[in-house]
């Protein structure tokens, strides 16, 4: 669930790209980027915590994940990086 959905700010297709980033992270690393004992803890981490990327990932993977998992949807990688509103 993207930060904007958790915060009740509404959402658009940028939330879908967040989900793509989460799936890609899990495929590359083998675990989700945010962990917690329950849903509330995970959601709090999604909104507040900085994502940690392992050093073994390529610079391209780092850039892609950072772009897809921007907490601010206006800065998120969308449509090749050119977000239009």
PDB file of N, CA and C in Angstrom:
ATOM      1  N   UNK A   1       0.850  -1.164   0.000  1.00  0.00           N
ATOM      2  CA  UNK A   1       0.000   0.000   0.000  1.00  0.00           C
ATOM      3  C   UNK A   1       0.903   1.235   0.000  1.00  0.00           C
ATOM      4  N   UNK A   2       0.633   2.145  -0.896  1.00  0.00           N
ATOM      5  CA  UNK A   2       1.483   3.333  -1.023  1.00  0.00           C
ATOM      6  C   UNK A   2       1.256   4.313   0.137  1.00  0.00           C
ATOM      7  N   UNK A   3       2.250   5.167   0.407  1.00  0.00           N
ATOM      8  CA  UNK A   3       2.107   6.130   1.504  1.00  0.00           C
ATOM      9  C   UNK A   3       0.874   7.016   1.367  1.00  0.00           C
ATOM     10  N   UNK A   4       0.565   7.452   0.151  1.00  0.00           N
ATOM     11  CA  UNK A   4      -0.579   8.353  -0.021  1.00  0.00           C
ATOM     12  C   UNK A   4      -1.906   7.663   0.288  1.00  0.00           C
ATOM     13  N   UNK A   5      -1.996   6.378   0.034  1.00  0.00           N
ATOM     14  CA  UNK A   5      -3.212   5.635   0.382  1.00  0.00           C
ATOM     15  C   UNK A   5      -3.302   5.485   1.896  1.00  0.00           C
ATOM     16  N   UNK A   6      -2.193   5.138   2.533  1.00  0.00           N
ATOM     17  CA  UNK A   6      -2.171   4.992   3.995  1.00  0.00           C
ATOM     18  C   UNK A   6      -2.592   6.293   4.667  1.00  0.00           C
ATOM     19  N   UNK A   7      -2.127   7.416   4.135  1.00  0.00           N
ATOM     20  CA  UNK A   7      -2.428   8.724   4.724  1.00  0.00           C
ATOM     21  C   UNK A   7      -3.787   9.273   4.310  1.00  0.00           C
ATOM     22  N   UNK A   8      -4.507   8.543   3.470  1.00  0.00           N
ATOM     23  CA  UNK A   8      -5.837   8.970   3.053  1.00  0.00           C
ATOM     24  C   UNK A   8      -5.830  10.188   2.148  1.00  0.00           C
ATOM     25  N   UNK A   9      -4.761  10.368   1.388  1.00  0.00           N
ATOM     26  CA  UNK A   9      -4.638  11.539   0.517  1.00  0.00           C
ATOM     27  C   UNK A   9      -5.182  11.301  -0.881  1.00  0.00           C
ATOM     28  N   UNK A  10      -5.782  10.162  -1.102  1.00  0.00           N
ATOM     29  CA  UNK A  10      -6.219   9.834  -2.447  1.00  0.00           C
ATOM     30  C   UNK A  10      -5.045   9.287  -3.233  1.00  0.00           C
ATOM     31  N   UNK A  11      -5.332   8.815  -4.436  1.00  0.00           N
ATOM     32  CA  UNK A  11      -4.244   8.238  -5.218  1.00  0.00           C
ATOM     33  C   UNK A  11      -4.592   8.223  -6.698  1.00  0.00           C
ATOM     34  N   UNK A  12      -3.563   8.010  -7.481  1.00  0.00           N
ATOM     35  CA  UNK A  12      -3.712   7.877  -8.926  1.00  0.00           C
ATOM     36  C   UNK A  12      -2.801   6.745  -9.377  1.00  0.00           C
ATOM     37  N   UNK A  13      -2.406   6.756 -10.639  1.00  0.00           N
ATOM     38  CA  UNK A  13      -1.600   5.650 -11.152  1.00  0.00           C
ATOM     39  C   UNK A  13      -0.222   5.570 -10.497  1.00  0.00           C
ATOM     40  N   UNK A  14       0.227   6.626  -9.846  1.00  0.00           N
ATOM     41  CA  UNK A  14       1.509   6.580  -9.136  1.00  0.00           C
ATOM     42  C   UNK A  14       1.487   5.521  -8.037  1.00  0.00           C
ATOM     43  N   UNK A  15       0.323   5.274  -7.447  1.00  0.00           N
ATOM     44  CA  UNK A  15       0.204   4.225  -6.429  1.00  0.00           C
ATOM     45  C   UNK A  15       0.446   2.848  -7.043  1.00  0.00           C
ATOM     46  N   UNK A  16       0.038   2.674  -8.293  1.00  0.00           N
ATOM     47  CA  UNK A  16       0.299   1.408  -8.984  1.00  0.00           C
ATOM     48  C   UNK A  16       1.792   1.221  -9.213  1.00  0.00           C
ATOM     49  N   UNK A  17       2.489   2.310  -9.543  1.00  0.00           N
ATOM     50  CA  UNK A  17       3.931   2.215  -9.751  1.00  0.00           C
ATOM     51  C   UNK A  17       4.649   1.919  -8.438  1.00  0.00           C
ATOM     52  N   UNK A  18       4.124   2.420  -7.327  1.00  0.00           N
ATOM     53  CA  UNK A  18       4.661   2.057  -6.004  1.00  0.00           C
ATOM     54  C   UNK A  18       4.563   0.545  -5.835  1.00  0.00           C
ATOM     55  N   UNK A  19       3.418  -0.022  -6.181  1.00  0.00           N
ATOM     56  CA  UNK A  19       3.223  -1.472  -6.055  1.00  0.00           C
ATOM     57  C   UNK A  19       4.200  -2.245  -6.932  1.00  0.00           C
ATOM     58  N   UNK A  20       4.457  -1.743  -8.131  1.00  0.00           N
ATOM     59  CA  UNK A  20       5.452  -2.375  -9.010  1.00  0.00           C
ATOM     60  C   UNK A  20       6.819  -2.358  -8.324  1.00  0.00           C
ATOM     61  N   UNK A  21       7.155  -1.246  -7.696  1.00  0.00           N
ATOM     62  CA  UNK A  21       8.424  -1.143  -6.976  1.00  0.00           C
ATOM     63  C   UNK A  21       8.525  -2.130  -5.827  1.00  0.00           C
ATOM     64  N   UNK A  22       7.429  -2.301  -5.090  1.00  0.00           N
ATOM     65  CA  UNK A  22       7.418  -3.262  -3.985  1.00  0.00           C
ATOM     66  C   UNK A  22       7.626  -4.675  -4.516  1.00  0.00           C
ATOM     67  N   UNK A  23       6.913  -5.025  -5.581  1.00  0.00           N
ATOM     68  CA  UNK A  23       7.064  -6.362  -6.172  1.00  0.00           C
ATOM     69  C   UNK A  23       8.484  -6.582  -6.686  1.00  0.00           C
ATOM     70  N   UNK A  24       9.045  -5.592  -7.359  1.00  0.00           N
ATOM     71  CA  UNK A  24      10.406  -5.707  -7.876  1.00  0.00           C
ATOM     72  C   UNK A  24      11.402  -5.867  -6.729  1.00  0.00           C
ATOM     73  N   UNK A  25      11.232  -5.083  -5.674  1.00  0.00           N
ATOM     74  CA  UNK A  25      12.096  -5.193  -4.499  1.00  0.00           C
ATOM     75  C   UNK A  25      12.054  -6.616  -3.957  1.00  0.00           C
ATOM     76  N   UNK A  26      10.852  -7.156  -3.790  1.00  0.00           N
ATOM     77  CA  UNK A  26      10.712  -8.509  -3.249  1.00  0.00           C
ATOM     78  C   UNK A  26      11.320  -9.556  -4.171  1.00  0.00           C
ATOM     79  N   UNK A  27      11.206  -9.371  -5.479  1.00  0.00           N
ATOM     80  CA  UNK A  27      11.794 -10.331  -6.421  1.00  0.00           C
ATOM     81  C   UNK A  27      13.323 -10.276  -6.382  1.00  0.00           C
ATOM     82  N   UNK A  28      13.884  -9.085  -6.245  1.00  0.00           N
ATOM     83  CA  UNK A  28      15.337  -8.939  -6.252  1.00  0.00           C
ATOM     84  C   UNK A  28      15.986  -9.305  -4.924  1.00  0.00           C
ATOM     85  N   UNK A  29      15.337  -8.971  -3.818  1.00  0.00           N
ATOM     86  CA  UNK A  29      15.935  -9.141  -2.502  1.00  0.00           C
ATOM     87  C   UNK A  29      15.413 -10.386  -1.786  1.00  0.00           C
ATOM     88  N   UNK A  30      14.184 -10.774  -2.083  1.00  0.00           N
ATOM     89  CA  UNK A  30      13.608 -11.956  -1.448  1.00  0.00           C
ATOM     90  C   UNK A  30      12.804 -11.669  -0.204  1.00  0.00           C
ATOM     91  N   UNK A  31      12.586 -10.399   0.086  1.00  0.00           N
ATOM     92  CA  UNK A  31      11.763 -10.002   1.230  1.00  0.00           C
ATOM     93  C   UNK A  31      11.219  -8.603   0.976  1.00  0.00           C
ATOM     94  N   UNK A  32      10.159  -8.223   1.664  1.00  0.00           N
ATOM     95  CA  UNK A  32       9.596  -6.885   1.452  1.00  0.00           C
ATOM     96  C   UNK A  32      10.504  -5.802   2.043  1.00  0.00           C
ATOM     97  N   UNK A  33      10.406  -4.579   1.523  1.00  0.00           N
ATOM     98  CA  UNK A  33      11.258  -3.502   2.031  1.00  0.00           C
ATOM     99  C   UNK A  33      10.881  -3.012   3.427  1.00  0.00           C
ATOM    100  N   UNK A  34       9.655  -3.247   3.848  1.00  0.00           N
ATOM    101  CA  UNK A  34       9.197  -2.785   5.160  1.00  0.00           C
ATOM    102  C   UNK A  34       8.639  -3.970   5.937  1.00  0.00           C
ATOM    103  N   UNK A  35       9.147  -4.156   7.167  1.00  0.00           N
ATOM    104  CA  UNK A  35       8.738  -5.276   8.014  1.00  0.00           C
ATOM    105  C   UNK A  35       8.100  -4.738   9.286  1.00  0.00           C
ATOM    106  N   UNK A  36       7.215  -5.522   9.872  1.00  0.00           N
ATOM    107  CA  UNK A  36       6.614  -5.161  11.145  1.00  0.00           C
ATOM    108  C   UNK A  36       5.805  -6.318  11.676  1.00  0.00           C
ATOM    109  N   UNK A  37       5.503  -6.274  12.944  1.00  0.00           N
ATOM    110  CA  UNK A  37       4.763  -7.353  13.569  1.00  0.00           C
ATOM    111  C   UNK A  37       3.299  -7.395  13.173  1.00  0.00           C
ATOM    112  N   UNK A  38       2.772  -6.265  12.715  1.00  0.00           N
ATOM    113  CA  UNK A  38       1.371  -6.225  12.301  1.00  0.00           C
ATOM    114  C   UNK A  38       1.189  -5.147  11.227  1.00  0.00           C
ATOM    115  N   UNK A  39      -0.023  -5.068  10.705  1.00  0.00           N
ATOM    116  CA  UNK A  39      -0.322  -4.138   9.608  1.00  0.00           C
ATOM    117  C   UNK A  39      -0.030  -2.687   9.983  1.00  0.00           C
ATOM    118  N   UNK A  40      -0.409  -2.284  11.193  1.00  0.00           N
ATOM    119  CA  UNK A  40      -0.204  -0.894  11.613  1.00  0.00           C
ATOM    120  C   UNK A  40       1.278  -0.527  11.656  1.00  0.00           C
ATOM    121  N   UNK A  41       2.112  -1.444  12.162  1.00  0.00           N
ATOM    122  CA  UNK A  41       3.551  -1.180  12.225  1.00  0.00           C
ATOM    123  C   UNK A  41       4.152  -1.079  10.829  1.00  0.00           C
ATOM    124  N   UNK A  42       3.731  -1.957   9.937  1.00  0.00           N
ATOM    125  CA  UNK A  42       4.236  -1.919   8.562  1.00  0.00           C
ATOM    126  C   UNK A  42       3.822  -0.614   7.894  1.00  0.00           C
ATOM    127  N   UNK A  43       2.578  -0.213   8.063  1.00  0.00           N
ATOM    128  CA  UNK A  43       2.106   1.026   7.446  1.00  0.00           C
ATOM    129  C   UNK A  43       2.861   2.237   7.992  1.00  0.00           C
ATOM    130  N   UNK A  44       3.141   2.247   9.278  1.00  0.00           N
ATOM    131  CA  UNK A  44       3.907   3.346   9.872  1.00  0.00           C
ATOM    132  C   UNK A  44       5.304   3.405   9.263  1.00  0.00           C
ATOM    133  N   UNK A  45       5.921   2.239   9.065  1.00  0.00           N
ATOM    134  CA  UNK A  45       7.247   2.200   8.456  1.00  0.00           C
ATOM    135  C   UNK A  45       7.204   2.659   7.004  1.00  0.00           C
ATOM    136  N   UNK A  46       6.167   2.282   6.274  1.00  0.00           N
ATOM    137  CA  UNK A  46       6.033   2.717   4.879  1.00  0.00           C
ATOM    138  C   UNK A  46       6.015   4.237   4.810  1.00  0.00           C
ATOM    139  N   UNK A  47       5.296   4.860   5.727  1.00  0.00           N
ATOM    140  CA  UNK A  47       5.156   6.321   5.720  1.00  0.00           C
ATOM    141  C   UNK A  47       6.413   7.017   6.252  1.00  0.00           C
ATOM    142  N   UNK A  48       7.047   6.483   7.296  1.00  0.00           N
ATOM    143  CA  UNK A  48       8.106   7.206   8.002  1.00  0.00           C
ATOM    144  C   UNK A  48       9.532   6.737   7.722  1.00  0.00           C
ATOM    145  N   UNK A  49       9.744   5.434   7.570  1.00  0.00           N
ATOM    146  CA  UNK A  49      11.108   4.905   7.487  1.00  0.00           C
ATOM    147  C   UNK A  49      11.733   5.094   6.112  1.00  0.00           C
ATOM    148  N   UNK A  50      13.039   5.242   6.118  1.00  0.00           N
ATOM    149  CA  UNK A  50      13.793   5.313   4.869  1.00  0.00           C
ATOM    150  C   UNK A  50      14.049   3.882   4.390  1.00  0.00           C
ATOM    151  N   UNK A  51      13.871   3.664   3.109  1.00  0.00           N
ATOM    152  CA  UNK A  51      14.089   2.346   2.534  1.00  0.00           C
ATOM    153  C   UNK A  51      15.592   2.077   2.439  1.00  0.00           C
ATOM    154  N   UNK A  52      15.991   0.855   2.786  1.00  0.00           N
ATOM    155  CA  UNK A  52      17.394   0.466   2.709  1.00  0.00           C
ATOM    156  C   UNK A  52      17.567  -0.497   1.545  1.00  0.00           C
ATOM    157  N   UNK A  53      18.497  -0.155   0.651  1.00  0.00           N
ATOM    158  CA  UNK A  53      18.777  -1.005  -0.503  1.00  0.00           C
ATOM    159  C   UNK A  53      20.108  -1.717  -0.293  1.00  0.00           C
ATOM    160  N   UNK A  54      20.142  -3.029  -0.503  1.00  0.00           N
ATOM    161  CA  UNK A  54      21.387  -3.779  -0.325  1.00  0.00           C
ATOM    162  C   UNK A  54      22.463  -3.343  -1.320  1.00  0.00           C
ATOM    163  N   UNK A  55      23.705  -3.406  -0.891  1.00  0.00           N
ATOM    164  CA  UNK A  55      24.833  -2.995  -1.728  1.00  0.00           C
ATOM    165  C   UNK A  55      25.031  -3.911  -2.930  1.00  0.00           C
ATOM    166  N   UNK A  56      24.558  -5.153  -2.852  1.00  0.00           N
ATOM    167  CA  UNK A  56      24.795  -6.088  -3.957  1.00  0.00           C
ATOM    168  C   UNK A  56      23.966  -5.781  -5.204  1.00  0.00           C
ATOM    169  N   UNK A  57      22.981  -4.907  -5.091  1.00  0.00           N
ATOM    170  CA  UNK A  57      22.179  -4.547  -6.262  1.00  0.00           C
ATOM    171  C   UNK A  57      22.978  -3.644  -7.198  1.00  0.00           C
ATOM    172  N   UNK A  58      22.719  -3.762  -8.473  1.00  0.00           N
ATOM    173  CA  UNK A  58      23.387  -2.903  -9.453  1.00  0.00           C
ATOM    174  C   UNK A  58      22.930  -1.455  -9.279  1.00  0.00           C
ATOM    175  N   UNK A  59      23.706  -0.543  -9.824  1.00  0.00           N
ATOM    176  CA  UNK A  59      23.329   0.869  -9.743  1.00  0.00           C
ATOM    177  C   UNK A  59      22.017   1.119 -10.485  1.00  0.00           C
ATOM    178  N   UNK A  60      21.775   0.359 -11.556  1.00  0.00           N
ATOM    179  CA  UNK A  60      20.522   0.491 -12.302  1.00  0.00           C
ATOM    180  C   UNK A  60      19.330   0.044 -11.457  1.00  0.00           C
ATOM    181  N   UNK A  61      19.502  -1.058 -10.723  1.00  0.00           N
ATOM    182  CA  UNK A  61      18.431  -1.541  -9.846  1.00  0.00           C
ATOM    183  C   UNK A  61      18.169  -0.538  -8.729  1.00  0.00           C
ATOM    184  N   UNK A  62      19.244   0.025  -8.169  1.00  0.00           N
ATOM    185  CA  UNK A  62      19.093   1.057  -7.135  1.00  0.00           C
ATOM    186  C   UNK A  62      18.278   2.227  -7.672  1.00  0.00           C
ATOM    187  N   UNK A  63      18.653   2.713  -8.842  1.00  0.00           N
ATOM    188  CA  UNK A  63      17.971   3.875  -9.422  1.00  0.00           C
ATOM    189  C   UNK A  63      16.503   3.573  -9.699  1.00  0.00           C
ATOM    190  N   UNK A  64      16.226   2.398 -10.236  1.00  0.00           N
ATOM    191  CA  UNK A  64      14.845   2.028 -10.546  1.00  0.00           C
ATOM    192  C   UNK A  64      14.008   1.922  -9.277  1.00  0.00           C
ATOM    193  N   UNK A  65      14.527   1.225  -8.267  1.00  0.00           N
ATOM    194  CA  UNK A  65      13.775   1.077  -7.019  1.00  0.00           C
ATOM    195  C   UNK A  65      13.581   2.421  -6.322  1.00  0.00           C
ATOM    196  N   UNK A  66      14.612   3.248  -6.298  1.00  0.00           N
ATOM    197  CA  UNK A  66      14.470   4.572  -5.680  1.00  0.00           C
ATOM    198  C   UNK A  66      13.419   5.401  -6.405  1.00  0.00           C
ATOM    199  N   UNK A  67      13.383   5.296  -7.720  1.00  0.00           N
ATOM    200  CA  UNK A  67      12.393   6.041  -8.491  1.00  0.00           C
ATOM    201  C   UNK A  67      10.979   5.552  -8.265  1.00  0.00           C
ATOM    202  N   UNK A  68      10.814   4.243  -8.210  1.00  0.00           N
ATOM    203  CA  UNK A  68       9.479   3.666  -8.026  1.00  0.00           C
ATOM    204  C   UNK A  68       8.973   3.809  -6.598  1.00  0.00           C
ATOM    205  N   UNK A  69       9.883   3.823  -5.629  1.00  0.00           N
ATOM    206  CA  UNK A  69       9.474   3.825  -4.224  1.00  0.00           C
ATOM    207  C   UNK A  69       9.685   5.176  -3.544  1.00  0.00           C
ATOM    208  N   UNK A  70       9.563   6.248  -4.301  1.00  0.00           N
ATOM    209  CA  UNK A  70       9.557   7.592  -3.716  1.00  0.00           C
ATOM    210  C   UNK A  70       8.301   7.744  -2.866  1.00  0.00           C
ATOM    211  N   UNK A  71       8.438   8.216  -1.652  1.00  0.00           N
ATOM    212  CA  UNK A  71       7.267   8.383  -0.787  1.00  0.00           C
ATOM    213  C   UNK A  71       6.342   9.483  -1.300  1.00  0.00           C
ATOM    214  N   UNK A  72       6.909  10.498  -1.903  1.00  0.00           N
ATOM    215  CA  UNK A  72       6.121  11.585  -2.489  1.00  0.00           C
ATOM    216  C   UNK A  72       5.703  11.164  -3.898  1.00  0.00           C
ATOM    217  N   UNK A  73       4.408  10.949  -4.133  1.00  0.00           N
ATOM    218  CA  UNK A  73       3.979  10.463  -5.449  1.00  0.00           C
ATOM    219  C   UNK A  73       4.314  11.413  -6.595  1.00  0.00           C
ATOM    220  N   UNK A  74       4.472  12.704  -6.311  1.00  0.00           N
ATOM    221  CA  UNK A  74       4.816  13.642  -7.385  1.00  0.00           C
ATOM    222  C   UNK A  74       6.264  13.471  -7.838  1.00  0.00           C
ATOM    223  N   UNK A  75       7.083  12.790  -7.040  1.00  0.00           N
ATOM    224  CA  UNK A  75       8.482  12.537  -7.390  1.00  0.00           C
ATOM    225  C   UNK A  75       8.709  11.109  -7.874  1.00  0.00           C
ATOM    226  N   UNK A  76       7.672  10.302  -7.834  1.00  0.00           N
ATOM    227  CA  UNK A  76       7.781   8.890  -8.191  1.00  0.00           C
ATOM    228  C   UNK A  76       7.969   8.702  -9.689  1.00  0.00           C
ATOM    229  N   UNK A  77       8.742   7.707 -10.037  1.00  0.00           N
ATOM    230  CA  UNK A  77       8.973   7.359 -11.435  1.00  0.00           C
ATOM    231  C   UNK A  77       7.668   6.866 -12.049  1.00  0.00           C
ATOM    232  N   UNK A  78       7.179   7.603 -13.022  1.00  0.00           N
ATOM    233  CA  UNK A  78       5.921   7.267 -13.690  1.00  0.00           C
ATOM    234  C   UNK A  78       6.099   7.551 -15.174  1.00  0.00           C
ATOM    235  N   UNK A  79       5.658   6.628 -16.005  1.00  0.00           N
ATOM    236  CA  UNK A  79       5.729   6.842 -17.460  1.00  0.00           C
ATOM    237  C   UNK A  79       7.119   7.267 -17.917  1.00  0.00           C
ATOM    238  N   UNK A  80       8.107   6.489 -17.541  1.00  0.00           N
ATOM    239  CA  UNK A  80       9.469   6.796 -17.961  1.00  0.00           C
ATOM    240  C   UNK A  80      10.097   7.959 -17.218  1.00  0.00           C
ATOM    241  N   UNK A  81       9.529   8.340 -16.093  1.00  0.00           N
ATOM    242  CA  UNK A  81      10.089   9.409 -15.281  1.00  0.00           C
ATOM    243  C   UNK A  81       9.488  10.770 -15.544  1.00  0.00           C
ATOM    244  N   UNK A  82       8.622  10.874 -16.518  1.00  0.00           N
ATOM    245  CA  UNK A  82       7.994  12.161 -16.829  1.00  0.00           C
ATOM    246  C   UNK A  82       6.576  12.174 -16.291  1.00  0.00           C
ATOM    247  N   UNK A  83       6.432  12.632 -15.089  1.00  0.00           N
ATOM    248  CA  UNK A  83       5.118  12.641 -14.449  1.00  0.00           C
ATOM    249  C   UNK A  83       4.330  13.841 -14.927  1.00  0.00           C
ATOM    250  N   UNK A  84       3.181  13.596 -15.469  1.00  0.00           N
ATOM    251  CA  UNK A  84       2.311  14.693 -15.918  1.00  0.00           C
ATOM    252  C   UNK A  84       1.034  14.657 -15.109  1.00  0.00           C
ATOM    253  N   UNK A  85       0.598  15.814 -14.685  1.00  0.00           N
ATOM    254  CA  UNK A  85      -0.654  15.902 -13.913  1.00  0.00           C
ATOM    255  C   UNK A  85      -1.677  16.602 -14.731  1.00  0.00           C
TER     256      UNK A  85
END
